[in-house]
Structures are given as structure tokens and as C-alpha cells.
Amino acid sequence: MSTGDPAREVLNDSCQDLMLICENVRDTFDKAILKFKTEAGLSSMDIKK
């Protein structure tokens, strides 16, 4: 038995945090790919996503 927040609320908060982390990882990845392509002088057609 828990005396803290209801399990549903904790799970919802955790899922929201996970979603934000995933969005941040995707944004960081996309920026790294763009930087790589720019520095290598490649067009978007040269490398498939």
C-alpha cells in the first residue's frame, strides 16, 4: 500500500516525462544529421533518412 500519489497519476506523469525525453532525443538526432549533411556538403538526396 502506498501513501503517496495515486498510481494512475504517477504513471501518467511518467509517460509524459518519457514522451518529452523521446522528443528531445529525436530533436537532437535530427540536428546532428543536419549538421553532418551540412559539414559534408551533402544534399538531402545524398543520404536516405
PDB file of N, CA and C in Angstrom:
ATOM      1  N   MET A   1       0.843  -1.180   0.000  1.00  0.00           N
ATOM      2  CA  MET A   1       0.000   0.000   0.000  1.00  0.00           C
ATOM      3  C   MET A   1       0.885   1.238   0.000  1.00  0.00           C
ATOM      4  N   SER A   2       0.478   2.224  -0.766  1.00  0.00           N
ATOM      5  CA  SER A   2       1.235   3.456  -0.903  1.00  0.00           C
ATOM      6  C   SER A   2       0.500   4.598  -0.234  1.00  0.00           C
ATOM      7  N   THR A   3       1.262   5.508   0.309  1.00  0.00           N
ATOM      8  CA  THR A   3       0.650   6.687   0.926  1.00  0.00           C
ATOM      9  C   THR A   3       0.870   7.930   0.076  1.00  0.00           C
ATOM     10  N   GLY A   4       1.500   7.748  -1.100  1.00  0.00           N
ATOM     11  CA  GLY A   4       1.788   8.874  -1.986  1.00  0.00           C
ATOM     12  C   GLY A   4       0.672   9.108  -2.983  1.00  0.00           C
ATOM     13  N   ASP A   5       1.050   9.656  -4.121  1.00  0.00           N
ATOM     14  CA  ASP A   5       0.089   9.946  -5.187  1.00  0.00           C
ATOM     15  C   ASP A   5      -0.523   8.653  -5.716  1.00  0.00           C
ATOM     16  N   PRO A   6      -1.753   8.740  -6.257  1.00  0.00           N
ATOM     17  CA  PRO A   6      -2.391   7.563  -6.855  1.00  0.00           C
ATOM     18  C   PRO A   6      -1.530   7.013  -8.003  1.00  0.00           C
ATOM     19  N   ALA A   7      -1.553   5.707  -8.152  1.00  0.00           N
ATOM     20  CA  ALA A   7      -0.731   5.042  -9.171  1.00  0.00           C
ATOM     21  C   ALA A   7      -1.030   5.567 -10.573  1.00  0.00           C
ATOM     22  N   ARG A   8      -2.276   5.812 -10.877  1.00  0.00           N
ATOM     23  CA  ARG A   8      -2.653   6.314 -12.201  1.00  0.00           C
ATOM     24  C   ARG A   8      -1.978   7.661 -12.482  1.00  0.00           C
ATOM     25  N   GLU A   9      -1.934   8.528 -11.485  1.00  0.00           N
ATOM     26  CA  GLU A   9      -1.305   9.838 -11.639  1.00  0.00           C
ATOM     27  C   GLU A   9       0.206   9.706 -11.832  1.00  0.00           C
ATOM     28  N   VAL A  10       0.816   8.830 -11.065  1.00  0.00           N
ATOM     29  CA  VAL A  10       2.258   8.598 -11.186  1.00  0.00           C
ATOM     30  C   VAL A  10       2.585   8.042 -12.567  1.00  0.00           C
ATOM     31  N   LEU A  11       1.797   7.084 -13.034  1.00  0.00           N
ATOM     32  CA  LEU A  11       2.018   6.502 -14.354  1.00  0.00           C
ATOM     33  C   LEU A  11       1.836   7.548 -15.444  1.00  0.00           C
ATOM     34  N   ASN A  12       0.814   8.356 -15.341  1.00  0.00           N
ATOM     35  CA  ASN A  12       0.566   9.404 -16.327  1.00  0.00           C
ATOM     36  C   ASN A  12       1.731  10.387 -16.366  1.00  0.00           C
ATOM     37  N   ASP A  13       2.195  10.812 -15.205  1.00  0.00           N
ATOM     38  CA  ASP A  13       3.330  11.734 -15.141  1.00  0.00           C
ATOM     39  C   ASP A  13       4.579  11.102 -15.751  1.00  0.00           C
ATOM     40  N   SER A  14       4.800   9.849 -15.469  1.00  0.00           N
ATOM     41  CA  SER A  14       5.967   9.150 -16.009  1.00  0.00           C
ATOM     42  C   SER A  14       5.896   9.033 -17.526  1.00  0.00           C
ATOM     43  N   CYS A  15       4.727   8.754 -18.047  1.00  0.00           N
ATOM     44  CA  CYS A  15       4.553   8.663 -19.502  1.00  0.00           C
ATOM     45  C   CYS A  15       4.782  10.023 -20.163  1.00  0.00           C
ATOM     46  N   GLN A  16       4.318  11.080 -19.537  1.00  0.00           N
ATOM     47  CA  GLN A  16       4.552  12.424 -20.053  1.00  0.00           C
ATOM     48  C   GLN A  16       6.050  12.739 -20.079  1.00  0.00           C
ATOM     49  N   ASP A  17       6.750  12.374 -18.999  1.00  0.00           N
ATOM     50  CA  ASP A  17       8.204  12.587 -18.946  1.00  0.00           C
ATOM     51  C   ASP A  17       8.906  11.804 -20.042  1.00  0.00           C
ATOM     52  N   LEU A  18       8.504  10.569 -20.250  1.00  0.00           N
ATOM     53  CA  LEU A  18       9.105   9.735 -21.283  1.00  0.00           C
ATOM     54  C   LEU A  18       8.871  10.327 -22.671  1.00  0.00           C
ATOM     55  N   MET A  19       7.685  10.845 -22.910  1.00  0.00           N
ATOM     56  CA  MET A  19       7.380  11.466 -24.186  1.00  0.00           C
ATOM     57  C   MET A  19       8.294  12.674 -24.421  1.00  0.00           C
ATOM     58  N   LEU A  20       8.504  13.488 -23.410  1.00  0.00           N
ATOM     59  CA  LEU A  20       9.377  14.652 -23.543  1.00  0.00           C
ATOM     60  C   LEU A  20      10.818  14.234 -23.805  1.00  0.00           C
ATOM     61  N   ILE A  21      11.267  13.185 -23.149  1.00  0.00           N
ATOM     62  CA  ILE A  21      12.618  12.675 -23.375  1.00  0.00           C
ATOM     63  C   ILE A  21      12.760  12.192 -24.815  1.00  0.00           C
ATOM     64  N   CYS A  22      11.786  11.447 -25.300  1.00  0.00           N
ATOM     65  CA  CYS A  22      11.828  10.935 -26.679  1.00  0.00           C
ATOM     66  C   CYS A  22      11.834  12.083 -27.691  1.00  0.00           C
ATOM     67  N   GLU A  23      11.047  13.114 -27.442  1.00  0.00           N
ATOM     68  CA  GLU A  23      11.032  14.269 -28.340  1.00  0.00           C
ATOM     69  C   GLU A  23      12.396  14.956 -28.351  1.00  0.00           C
ATOM     70  N   ASN A  24      13.018  15.067 -27.185  1.00  0.00           N
ATOM     71  CA  ASN A  24      14.333  15.684 -27.092  1.00  0.00           C
ATOM     72  C   ASN A  24      15.388  14.859 -27.828  1.00  0.00           C
ATOM     73  N   VAL A  25      15.331  13.545 -27.673  1.00  0.00           N
ATOM     74  CA  VAL A  25      16.283  12.670 -28.364  1.00  0.00           C
ATOM     75  C   VAL A  25      16.104  12.807 -29.869  1.00  0.00           C
ATOM     76  N   ARG A  26      14.872  12.813 -30.339  1.00  0.00           N
ATOM     77  CA  ARG A  26      14.603  12.935 -31.775  1.00  0.00           C
ATOM     78  C   ARG A  26      15.096  14.275 -32.313  1.00  0.00           C
ATOM     79  N   ASP A  27      14.847  15.348 -31.561  1.00  0.00           N
ATOM     80  CA  ASP A  27      15.289  16.676 -31.979  1.00  0.00           C
ATOM     81  C   ASP A  27      16.816  16.738 -32.052  1.00  0.00           C
ATOM     82  N   THR A  28      17.475  16.182 -31.053  1.00  0.00           N
ATOM     83  CA  THR A  28      18.939  16.161 -31.033  1.00  0.00           C
ATOM     84  C   THR A  28      19.479  15.347 -32.201  1.00  0.00           C
ATOM     85  N   PHE A  29      18.863  14.212 -32.489  1.00  0.00           N
ATOM     86  CA  PHE A  29      19.272  13.360 -33.599  1.00  0.00           C
ATOM     87  C   PHE A  29      19.105  14.089 -34.929  1.00  0.00           C
ATOM     88  N   ASP A  30      17.945  14.712 -35.127  1.00  0.00           N
ATOM     89  CA  ASP A  30      17.688  15.437 -36.373  1.00  0.00           C
ATOM     90  C   ASP A  30      18.700  16.568 -36.570  1.00  0.00           C
ATOM     91  N   LYS A  31      19.037  17.284 -35.509  1.00  0.00           N
ATOM     92  CA  LYS A  31      20.018  18.361 -35.597  1.00  0.00           C
ATOM     93  C   LYS A  31      21.400  17.805 -35.942  1.00  0.00           C
ATOM     94  N   ALA A  32      21.759  16.669 -35.366  1.00  0.00           N
ATOM     95  CA  ALA A  32      23.058  16.058 -35.658  1.00  0.00           C
ATOM     96  C   ALA A  32      23.139  15.623 -37.115  1.00  0.00           C
ATOM     97  N   ILE A  33      22.062  15.053 -37.651  1.00  0.00           N
ATOM     98  CA  ILE A  33      22.030  14.639 -39.058  1.00  0.00           C
ATOM     99  C   ILE A  33      22.161  15.856 -39.963  1.00  0.00           C
ATOM    100  N   LEU A  34      21.433  16.916 -39.654  1.00  0.00           N
ATOM    101  CA  LEU A  34      21.509  18.139 -40.453  1.00  0.00           C
ATOM    102  C   LEU A  34      22.931  18.714 -40.415  1.00  0.00           C
ATOM    103  N   LYS A  35      23.539  18.733 -39.246  1.00  0.00           N
ATOM    104  CA  LYS A  35      24.910  19.236 -39.112  1.00  0.00           C
ATOM    105  C   LYS A  35      25.877  18.376 -39.931  1.00  0.00           C
ATOM    106  N   PHE A  36      25.724  17.078 -39.865  1.00  0.00           N
ATOM    107  CA  PHE A  36      26.582  16.171 -40.627  1.00  0.00           C
ATOM    108  C   PHE A  36      26.455  16.429 -42.125  1.00  0.00           C
ATOM    109  N   LYS A  37      25.217  16.527 -42.584  1.00  0.00           N
ATOM    110  CA  LYS A  37      24.992  16.756 -44.013  1.00  0.00           C
ATOM    111  C   LYS A  37      25.567  18.098 -44.450  1.00  0.00           C
ATOM    112  N   THR A  38      25.389  19.114 -43.626  1.00  0.00           N
ATOM    113  CA  THR A  38      25.887  20.451 -43.952  1.00  0.00           C
ATOM    114  C   THR A  38      27.410  20.462 -44.008  1.00  0.00           C
ATOM    115  N   GLU A  39      28.047  19.875 -43.006  1.00  0.00           N
ATOM    116  CA  GLU A  39      29.510  19.866 -42.958  1.00  0.00           C
ATOM    117  C   GLU A  39      30.110  19.006 -44.069  1.00  0.00           C
ATOM    118  N   ALA A  40      29.410  17.977 -44.464  1.00  0.00           N
ATOM    119  CA  ALA A  40      29.914  17.089 -45.509  1.00  0.00           C
ATOM    120  C   ALA A  40      29.565  17.611 -46.901  1.00  0.00           C
ATOM    121  N   GLY A  41      28.776  18.679 -46.970  1.00  0.00           N
ATOM    122  CA  GLY A  41      28.385  19.226 -48.257  1.00  0.00           C
ATOM    123  C   GLY A  41      27.428  18.335 -49.006  1.00  0.00           C
ATOM    124  N   LEU A  42      26.643  17.587 -48.286  1.00  0.00           N
ATOM    125  CA  LEU A  42      25.704  16.653 -48.910  1.00  0.00           C
ATOM    126  C   LEU A  42      24.316  17.272 -48.985  1.00  0.00           C
ATOM    127  N   SER A  43      23.605  16.954 -50.033  1.00  0.00           N
ATOM    128  CA  SER A  43      22.221  17.382 -50.132  1.00  0.00           C
ATOM    129  C   SER A  43      21.338  16.341 -49.435  1.00  0.00           C
ATOM    130  N   SER A  44      20.097  16.692 -49.244  1.00  0.00           N
ATOM    131  CA  SER A  44      19.183  15.756 -48.598  1.00  0.00           C
ATOM    132  C   SER A  44      18.941  14.519 -49.445  1.00  0.00           C
ATOM    133  N   MET A  45      19.249  14.600 -50.729  1.00  0.00           N
ATOM    134  CA  MET A  45      19.050  13.453 -51.621  1.00  0.00           C
ATOM    135  C   MET A  45      20.216  12.464 -51.538  1.00  0.00           C
ATOM    136  N   ASP A  46      21.370  12.910 -51.030  1.00  0.00           N
ATOM    137  CA  ASP A  46      22.548  12.050 -50.983  1.00  0.00           C
ATOM    138  C   ASP A  46      22.463  10.986 -49.903  1.00  0.00           C
ATOM    139  N   ILE A  47      21.747  11.271 -48.844  1.00  0.00           N
ATOM    140  CA  ILE A  47      21.632  10.329 -47.732  1.00  0.00           C
ATOM    141  C   ILE A  47      20.154  10.099 -47.456  1.00  0.00           C
ATOM    142  N   LYS A  48      19.766   8.839 -47.444  1.00  0.00           N
ATOM    143  CA  LYS A  48      18.382   8.499 -47.146  1.00  0.00           C
ATOM    144  C   LYS A  48      18.158   8.624 -45.663  1.00  0.00           C
ATOM    145  N   LYS A  49      16.948   8.999 -45.301  1.00  0.00           N
ATOM    146  CA  LYS A  49      16.591   9.093 -43.868  1.00  0.00           C
ATOM    147  C   LYS A  49      16.416   7.735 -43.285  1.00  0.00           C
TER     148      LYS A  49
END
